[in-house]
Protein backbone atom coordinates (compact mmCIF):
# COMPACT_ATOMS: atom_id res chain seq x y z
CA MET A 1 -21.13 16.08 24.44
CA ILE A 2 -18.16 18.25 25.40
CA ILE A 3 -17.90 20.15 28.68
CA VAL A 4 -15.43 23.03 28.45
CA LEU A 5 -14.12 24.21 31.80
CA LYS A 6 -13.14 27.77 32.64
CA PRO A 7 -9.40 28.56 32.69
CA ASP A 8 -9.54 29.02 36.46
CA ALA A 9 -11.59 25.88 37.18
CA THR A 10 -10.29 24.07 40.24
CA GLU A 11 -9.48 20.39 40.61
CA SER A 12 -12.34 19.97 43.08
CA GLN A 13 -14.79 21.45 40.55
CA LEU A 14 -13.47 19.05 37.92
CA LYS A 15 -13.93 16.08 40.25
CA HIS A 16 -17.46 17.23 41.12
CA ILE A 17 -18.46 17.36 37.45
CA VAL A 18 -16.85 13.99 36.71
CA SER A 19 -18.68 12.45 39.67
CA LYS A 20 -22.01 13.80 38.41
CA VAL A 21 -21.41 12.51 34.90
CA LYS A 22 -20.65 9.04 36.27
CA SER A 23 -23.74 9.09 38.47
CA LEU A 24 -25.85 9.54 35.33
CA GLY A 25 -24.38 6.35 33.88
CA LEU A 26 -22.16 8.22 31.42
CA LYS A 27 -18.42 7.93 30.82
CA PRO A 28 -16.24 11.05 31.23
CA MET A 29 -12.97 11.37 29.28
CA ILE A 30 -10.70 14.21 30.40
CA SER A 31 -8.44 16.10 27.98
CA ARG A 32 -6.10 18.67 29.54
CA GLY A 33 -4.85 21.37 27.17
CA LEU A 34 -2.53 24.31 27.74
CA GLU A 35 -5.39 26.76 28.27
CA ARG A 36 -8.48 24.65 28.84
CA THR A 37 -9.53 21.32 30.30
CA ILE A 38 -12.23 19.54 28.36
CA ILE A 39 -14.43 16.64 29.46
CA GLY A 40 -15.81 14.44 26.72
CA VAL A 41 -19.00 12.65 27.76
CA ILE A 42 -19.69 9.26 26.20
CA GLY A 43 -23.14 7.68 26.33
CA GLU A 44 -26.77 8.70 26.00
CA GLU A 45 -26.60 12.49 25.94
CA ASP A 46 -30.33 12.88 26.60
CA LEU A 47 -29.55 12.03 30.22
CA LEU A 48 -27.77 15.37 30.54
CA ARG A 49 -31.02 17.20 29.90
CA VAL A 50 -32.24 15.95 33.27
CA GLN A 51 -29.29 17.67 34.93
CA PRO A 52 -27.83 20.52 32.85
CA LEU A 53 -24.12 20.71 33.54
CA ASP A 54 -23.55 24.22 32.22
CA VAL A 55 -24.74 25.61 35.58
CA PHE A 56 -22.05 23.76 37.54
CA PRO A 57 -19.20 25.81 39.05
CA GLY A 58 -16.14 25.82 36.79
CA VAL A 59 -18.08 25.10 33.57
CA GLU A 60 -17.70 27.60 30.74
CA LYS A 61 -19.95 25.90 28.20
CA VAL A 62 -21.42 22.56 27.14
CA MET A 63 -21.44 21.67 23.46
CA PRO A 64 -22.84 18.72 21.50
CA VAL A 65 -20.44 16.86 19.23
CA LEU A 66 -22.10 16.62 15.85
CA ALA A 67 -19.69 14.05 14.38
CA PRO A 68 -20.53 10.37 15.07
CA TYR A 69 -16.97 9.95 16.39
CA LYS A 70 -16.56 11.93 19.60
CA LEU A 71 -13.14 11.44 21.17
CA VAL A 72 -11.37 11.33 17.80
CA SER A 73 -12.82 14.64 16.69
CA ARG A 74 -11.23 18.07 16.61
CA GLU A 75 -14.21 19.31 18.61
CA PHE A 76 -13.09 17.18 21.56
CA LYS A 77 -9.42 18.06 21.20
CA PRO A 78 -8.49 21.05 19.03
CA ALA A 79 -4.72 20.54 19.49
CA ASP A 80 -2.84 17.85 17.57
CA THR A 81 -2.16 14.60 19.40
CA VAL A 82 1.51 13.65 19.52
CA VAL A 83 2.15 9.95 20.10
CA ASP A 84 5.40 9.14 21.92
CA ILE A 85 7.17 5.94 20.84
CA ASN A 86 10.21 5.55 23.07
CA GLY A 87 11.00 9.24 22.69
CA ILE A 88 10.09 9.44 19.00
CA LYS A 89 7.23 11.89 18.52
CA VAL A 90 4.66 11.09 15.84
CA GLY A 91 2.45 14.07 15.09
CA GLY A 92 4.94 16.81 15.83
CA ASN A 93 7.14 18.78 13.46
CA ARG A 94 9.23 15.76 12.50
CA VAL A 95 8.12 13.43 9.71
CA VAL A 96 8.73 9.95 11.15
CA VAL A 97 9.80 7.15 8.81
CA MET A 98 9.15 3.51 9.68
CA ALA A 99 10.84 1.01 7.37
CA GLY A 100 11.72 -2.64 7.04
CA PRO A 101 10.57 -5.87 5.42
CA CYS A 102 6.91 -6.79 5.03
CA ALA A 103 7.53 -10.04 6.90
CA VAL A 104 10.21 -11.23 9.30
CA GLU A 105 11.85 -14.14 7.44
CA ASN A 106 15.01 -14.90 9.45
CA PHE A 107 17.23 -13.11 11.94
CA ASP A 108 20.27 -12.37 9.75
CA LEU A 109 18.18 -10.83 6.98
CA LEU A 110 16.12 -8.75 9.43
CA TYR A 111 19.24 -7.47 11.20
CA SER A 112 20.90 -6.54 7.91
CA ILE A 113 17.82 -4.65 6.69
CA ALA A 114 17.41 -2.90 10.06
CA ARG A 115 20.98 -1.58 9.96
CA SER A 116 20.44 -0.35 6.39
CA VAL A 117 17.21 1.51 7.08
CA LYS A 118 18.63 3.05 10.26
CA LYS A 119 21.64 4.29 8.31
CA GLY A 120 19.26 5.72 5.71
CA GLY A 121 17.34 7.66 8.37
CA ALA A 122 14.43 5.46 9.45
CA VAL A 123 13.72 5.69 13.18
CA ILE A 124 11.31 2.76 13.63
CA LEU A 125 11.64 -0.80 12.30
CA ARG A 126 8.54 -2.37 10.79
CA GLY A 127 8.24 -6.11 10.25
CA GLY A 128 5.42 -8.60 10.43
CA ALA A 129 5.65 -11.71 12.62
CA PHE A 130 2.01 -12.54 11.85
CA LYS A 131 0.92 -12.01 8.26
CA PRO A 132 -2.70 -11.86 7.03
CA ARG A 133 -2.62 -13.31 3.51
CA THR A 134 -5.35 -13.59 0.91
CA SER A 135 -4.35 -17.18 0.15
CA PRO A 136 -4.15 -19.74 2.98
CA TYR A 137 -1.18 -21.28 1.15
CA SER A 138 0.96 -18.12 1.30
CA PHE A 139 3.61 -17.52 3.98
CA GLN A 140 1.78 -16.64 7.20
CA GLY A 141 4.73 -15.37 9.24
CA LEU A 142 7.00 -16.83 11.91
CA GLY A 143 4.78 -15.93 14.86
CA GLU A 144 6.47 -15.73 18.25
CA GLU A 145 9.85 -16.65 16.77
CA GLY A 146 9.58 -13.61 14.53
CA LEU A 147 8.77 -11.41 17.53
CA LYS A 148 11.90 -12.65 19.29
CA PHE A 149 13.98 -11.79 16.22
CA LEU A 150 12.52 -8.27 16.26
CA VAL A 151 13.34 -7.84 19.95
CA GLU A 152 16.94 -8.93 19.43
CA VAL A 153 17.34 -6.56 16.49
CA ARG A 154 15.92 -3.75 18.64
CA LYS A 155 18.58 -4.49 21.26
CA ARG A 156 21.34 -4.28 18.66
CA THR A 157 20.11 -1.25 16.68
CA GLY A 158 18.05 0.75 19.16
CA LEU A 159 15.15 0.93 16.69
CA PRO A 160 11.67 0.61 18.22
CA ILE A 161 9.58 -2.04 16.47
CA ALA A 162 6.13 -1.91 14.89
CA THR A 163 4.44 -5.21 14.16
CA GLU A 164 0.95 -6.44 13.36
CA LEU A 165 -1.56 -8.01 15.74
CA MET A 166 -4.19 -10.22 14.12
CA ASP A 167 -5.76 -12.18 16.97
CA ILE A 168 -6.96 -11.18 20.43
CA ARG A 169 -5.35 -14.36 21.78
CA ASP A 170 -1.92 -13.01 20.77
CA LEU A 171 -2.33 -9.57 22.34
CA ASP A 172 -0.33 -10.26 25.50
CA MET A 173 2.52 -11.74 23.46
CA VAL A 174 2.64 -8.88 20.95
CA GLU A 175 2.25 -6.29 23.71
CA ARG A 176 5.27 -7.70 25.55
CA HIS A 177 7.50 -7.50 22.48
CA ALA A 178 6.32 -4.60 20.31
CA ASP A 179 6.65 -0.84 20.74
CA VAL A 180 3.80 -0.17 18.29
CA ILE A 181 0.87 -2.51 17.69
CA GLN A 182 -0.28 -2.41 14.09
CA ILE A 183 -3.89 -3.20 13.24
CA GLY A 184 -3.96 -4.10 9.56
CA ALA A 185 -6.48 -3.10 6.91
CA ARG A 186 -8.33 -6.41 7.10
CA ASN A 187 -8.86 -5.98 10.85
CA MET A 188 -9.81 -2.31 10.84
CA GLN A 189 -13.39 -3.24 11.71
CA ASN A 190 -12.59 -6.17 13.98
CA PHE A 191 -14.30 -4.35 16.83
CA ASP A 192 -13.46 -6.86 19.57
CA LEU A 193 -9.78 -6.55 18.64
CA LEU A 194 -10.04 -2.75 18.65
CA LYS A 195 -11.59 -2.79 22.13
CA GLU A 196 -8.76 -4.93 23.45
CA VAL A 197 -5.96 -2.74 22.08
CA GLY A 198 -7.94 0.17 23.50
CA ARG A 199 -7.36 -1.30 26.94
CA SER A 200 -3.64 -1.48 26.19
CA LYS A 201 -1.37 1.51 26.66
CA LYS A 202 0.83 0.66 23.68
CA PRO A 203 0.70 3.01 20.68
CA VAL A 204 -1.57 1.63 17.97
CA LEU A 205 -1.04 2.06 14.23
CA LEU A 206 -4.51 1.73 12.70
CA LYS A 207 -4.50 1.06 8.97
CA ARG A 208 -7.43 2.13 6.82
CA GLY A 209 -9.53 -0.72 5.47
CA MET A 210 -9.21 -1.28 1.76
CA ALA A 211 -12.90 -0.50 1.19
CA SER A 212 -13.49 1.87 4.11
CA THR A 213 -14.62 5.46 4.11
CA ILE A 214 -12.89 8.07 6.24
CA LYS A 215 -15.91 8.01 8.54
CA ASP A 216 -15.60 4.21 8.95
CA TRP A 217 -11.90 4.61 9.71
CA LEU A 218 -12.40 7.31 12.35
CA LEU A 219 -15.19 5.33 14.00
CA SER A 220 -12.80 2.38 14.27
CA ALA A 221 -10.28 4.68 15.95
CA GLU A 222 -13.08 5.78 18.27
CA TYR A 223 -13.38 2.21 19.58
CA ILE A 224 -9.74 2.36 20.69
CA LEU A 225 -9.97 5.80 22.32
CA GLN A 226 -13.32 4.98 23.92
CA ASN A 227 -11.62 2.13 25.75
CA GLY A 228 -8.92 4.40 27.14
CA ASN A 229 -6.00 4.32 24.68
CA PHE A 230 -5.41 7.73 23.08
CA ASN A 231 -2.06 6.72 21.54
CA VAL A 232 -3.45 6.09 18.07
CA ILE A 233 -1.77 6.76 14.73
CA LEU A 234 -3.85 6.52 11.57
CA CYS A 235 -2.28 4.94 8.47
CA GLU A 236 -3.51 5.45 4.91
CA ARG A 237 -2.45 2.41 2.86
CA GLY A 238 -4.58 2.69 -0.26
CA ILE A 239 -8.19 1.82 -1.04
CA ARG A 240 -9.84 -0.32 -3.69
CA THR A 241 -11.11 1.49 -6.78
CA PHE A 242 -11.74 0.41 -10.38
CA GLU A 243 -8.10 1.21 -11.30
CA THR A 244 -5.92 -1.80 -12.14
CA GLU A 245 -2.52 -0.19 -12.79
CA THR A 246 -1.72 -0.07 -9.08
CA ARG A 247 -2.40 -2.53 -6.28
CA PHE A 248 -4.62 0.03 -4.53
CA THR A 249 -5.36 3.73 -5.00
CA GLN A 250 -3.41 5.99 -2.64
CA ASP A 251 -5.91 8.49 -1.26
CA LEU A 252 -3.68 11.42 -0.41
CA SER A 253 -6.67 13.75 -0.12
CA CYS A 254 -7.47 11.96 3.14
CA ILE A 255 -4.46 13.66 4.79
CA PRO A 256 -5.88 17.21 4.88
CA ILE A 257 -9.37 15.81 5.50
CA ILE A 258 -8.19 13.84 8.54
CA LYS A 259 -6.26 16.89 9.75
CA SER A 260 -9.47 18.94 9.65
CA LEU A 261 -11.69 16.31 11.29
CA SER A 262 -9.38 14.71 13.85
CA HIS A 263 -6.51 15.48 16.20
CA LEU A 264 -4.85 12.10 15.57
CA PRO A 265 -1.58 11.91 13.59
CA ILE A 266 -1.66 10.28 10.16
CA VAL A 267 1.07 8.38 8.32
CA VAL A 268 1.06 6.99 4.79
CA ASP A 269 2.08 3.56 3.48
CA PRO A 270 2.93 4.08 -0.22
CA SER A 271 4.33 0.54 -0.57
CA HIS A 272 1.04 -1.30 -0.11
CA ALA A 273 -0.87 1.25 -2.16
CA ALA A 274 1.42 1.23 -5.19
CA GLY A 275 2.33 -2.45 -5.15
CA ARG A 276 5.44 -1.62 -7.21
CA TRP A 277 8.60 -0.23 -5.69
CA GLY A 278 9.20 2.16 -8.58
CA LEU A 279 6.06 4.10 -7.70
CA VAL A 280 6.86 4.38 -4.00
CA PRO A 281 9.23 7.42 -4.20
CA SER A 282 6.69 9.62 -5.99
CA MET A 283 3.88 8.72 -3.61
CA ALA A 284 6.11 9.12 -0.54
CA LYS A 285 7.17 12.61 -1.67
CA ALA A 286 3.57 13.59 -2.38
CA ALA A 287 2.49 12.33 1.06
CA VAL A 288 5.10 14.46 2.84
CA ALA A 289 4.15 17.49 0.75
CA ALA A 290 0.47 16.90 1.61
CA GLY A 291 1.21 17.01 5.33
CA ALA A 292 1.63 13.38 6.42
CA ASP A 293 3.18 12.95 9.86
CA GLY A 294 5.13 9.90 8.77
CA LEU A 295 5.72 7.14 6.23
CA LEU A 296 5.69 3.35 6.35
CA ILE A 297 8.03 2.00 3.66
CA GLU A 298 8.94 -1.58 2.83
CA VAL A 299 12.63 -2.32 2.32
CA HIS A 300 14.23 -5.65 1.43
CA SER A 301 17.80 -6.44 0.40
CA LYS A 302 16.68 -9.33 -1.84
CA PRO A 303 13.14 -8.50 -2.95
CA GLU A 304 13.22 -11.17 -5.66
CA GLU A 305 13.50 -13.76 -2.89
CA ALA A 306 11.10 -12.14 -0.41
CA LEU A 307 8.45 -14.42 1.06
CA CYS A 308 5.91 -11.58 1.08
CA ASP A 309 5.29 -8.55 -1.19
CA GLY A 310 8.69 -8.49 -2.87
CA PRO A 311 7.58 -6.36 -5.87
CA GLN A 312 6.80 -3.37 -3.65
CA ALA A 313 9.95 -3.48 -1.49
CA MET A 314 12.72 -0.97 -2.13
CA LEU A 315 16.38 -1.93 -2.10
CA PRO A 316 18.30 -0.33 0.81
CA GLU A 317 20.32 1.92 -1.49
CA LYS A 318 17.13 3.14 -3.22
CA PHE A 319 15.60 3.82 0.18
CA SER A 320 18.61 5.89 1.28
CA LYS A 321 18.40 7.98 -1.89
CA LEU A 322 14.68 8.53 -1.32
CA MET A 323 15.31 9.69 2.24
CA GLN A 324 17.69 12.38 0.98
CA GLU A 325 15.01 13.66 -1.39
CA LEU A 326 12.33 13.53 1.30
CA ARG A 327 14.45 15.68 3.62
CA ARG A 328 14.48 18.47 1.03
CA ILE A 329 10.70 18.33 0.69
CA ALA A 330 10.23 18.33 4.46
CA ARG A 331 12.45 21.41 4.81
CA ALA A 332 10.54 23.18 2.07
CA ILE A 333 7.29 22.91 4.07
CA GLY A 334 8.91 23.79 7.39
CA ARG A 335 9.27 20.29 8.81
CA GLU A 336 12.11 17.90 9.66
CA LEU A 337 12.79 14.34 8.62
C-alpha cells in the first residue's frame, strides 16, 4: 500500500499518519520526493480497511501496490534512486565503471592493477577477498588479509572498493573495510544474509542469481530495502540457458525491464556472463547502449597466471582501449563515462 501525501502536507500530519500505521502493526517507509512525500506501508494491508487512511488530513490518495515487491517498485518511488559511493553517483547521468581482478591474490599485483584501471577511467576497484567457488579445491580467497590489501590500495589510489560478502559472520569485518558490499549470484536468495545487509547502511551490489527470474531478483532486493537499506544496486551477470558457447547468457533485455519496474540502478557484469575476455567489449558496449548505469569488468595484468577466472579478465591495455570506445557510446546516448 502506498499513501501519497498532498504537496502542502505538514510534518505533524506526516507523523500522525506514521503513528497510526504503526499502531495497526504495520511498518511505514517514508520516501521524500521533490514534489510529493510517499509512505510505503509494509504488512497485512487488510488491516487498513479497519481504518481507512485516505480520510486523514494531508493524504491525497491511498493506492495498492500490485507488484509483489513493494519498496523496490516504481509505484513506491517514481524517481530513479541514485546510490552515493564516496561521492560517486550510481544511477545518475554518469555510467560508472568498476574494475579489477576477480580475486585479490597479493598486494603488489592488486596495487598494479588498481593503478592501471584508474588510469583507464574506472572509478571503483572490485576485488574478491572471499571467493565462492564451485569446487572446494579451487582458490577460496585470502579472507581478511585480502581486505587489508584492498584498504591499503584504496589509501594509495583513492578508489573506493567493492568486495563480496558470503557469510553473515563476516559482515562486521567486510562492513569495516568495504565501500560496497557485493552479494554474489549464489547468495542472491540467502535471505538471512540479505536481511543483515539490509540493516547495514553500506551500499549493496546485488547480483542476479544464475537461474533467477527478474521477479526473484527484485524480491531479493526487497528483503534489503524492507530492512532499511535503500542503497541497493542491481547487477546483471548472466543467467543459465541451454547455450554452451558462453559461460552464461547475458540478459541485456533486463535493463529496460528493470528500469520500467524499479527505481533501483542497474549495472552489468559482462565478464562473468561471457566467460571469455574477447567477448567482453561487445557486451559492455551493448549494455551501455541499452541504458545500464554502470559496468563491472574484470582486469588482470597476467590472466594466464590468475588464481580465479583468468580467461575472462582483460589486460589493462585492452581495458583502456575499451573505455575510450565506451565514452563515445555514452556521449551518443546523452550520458557520461
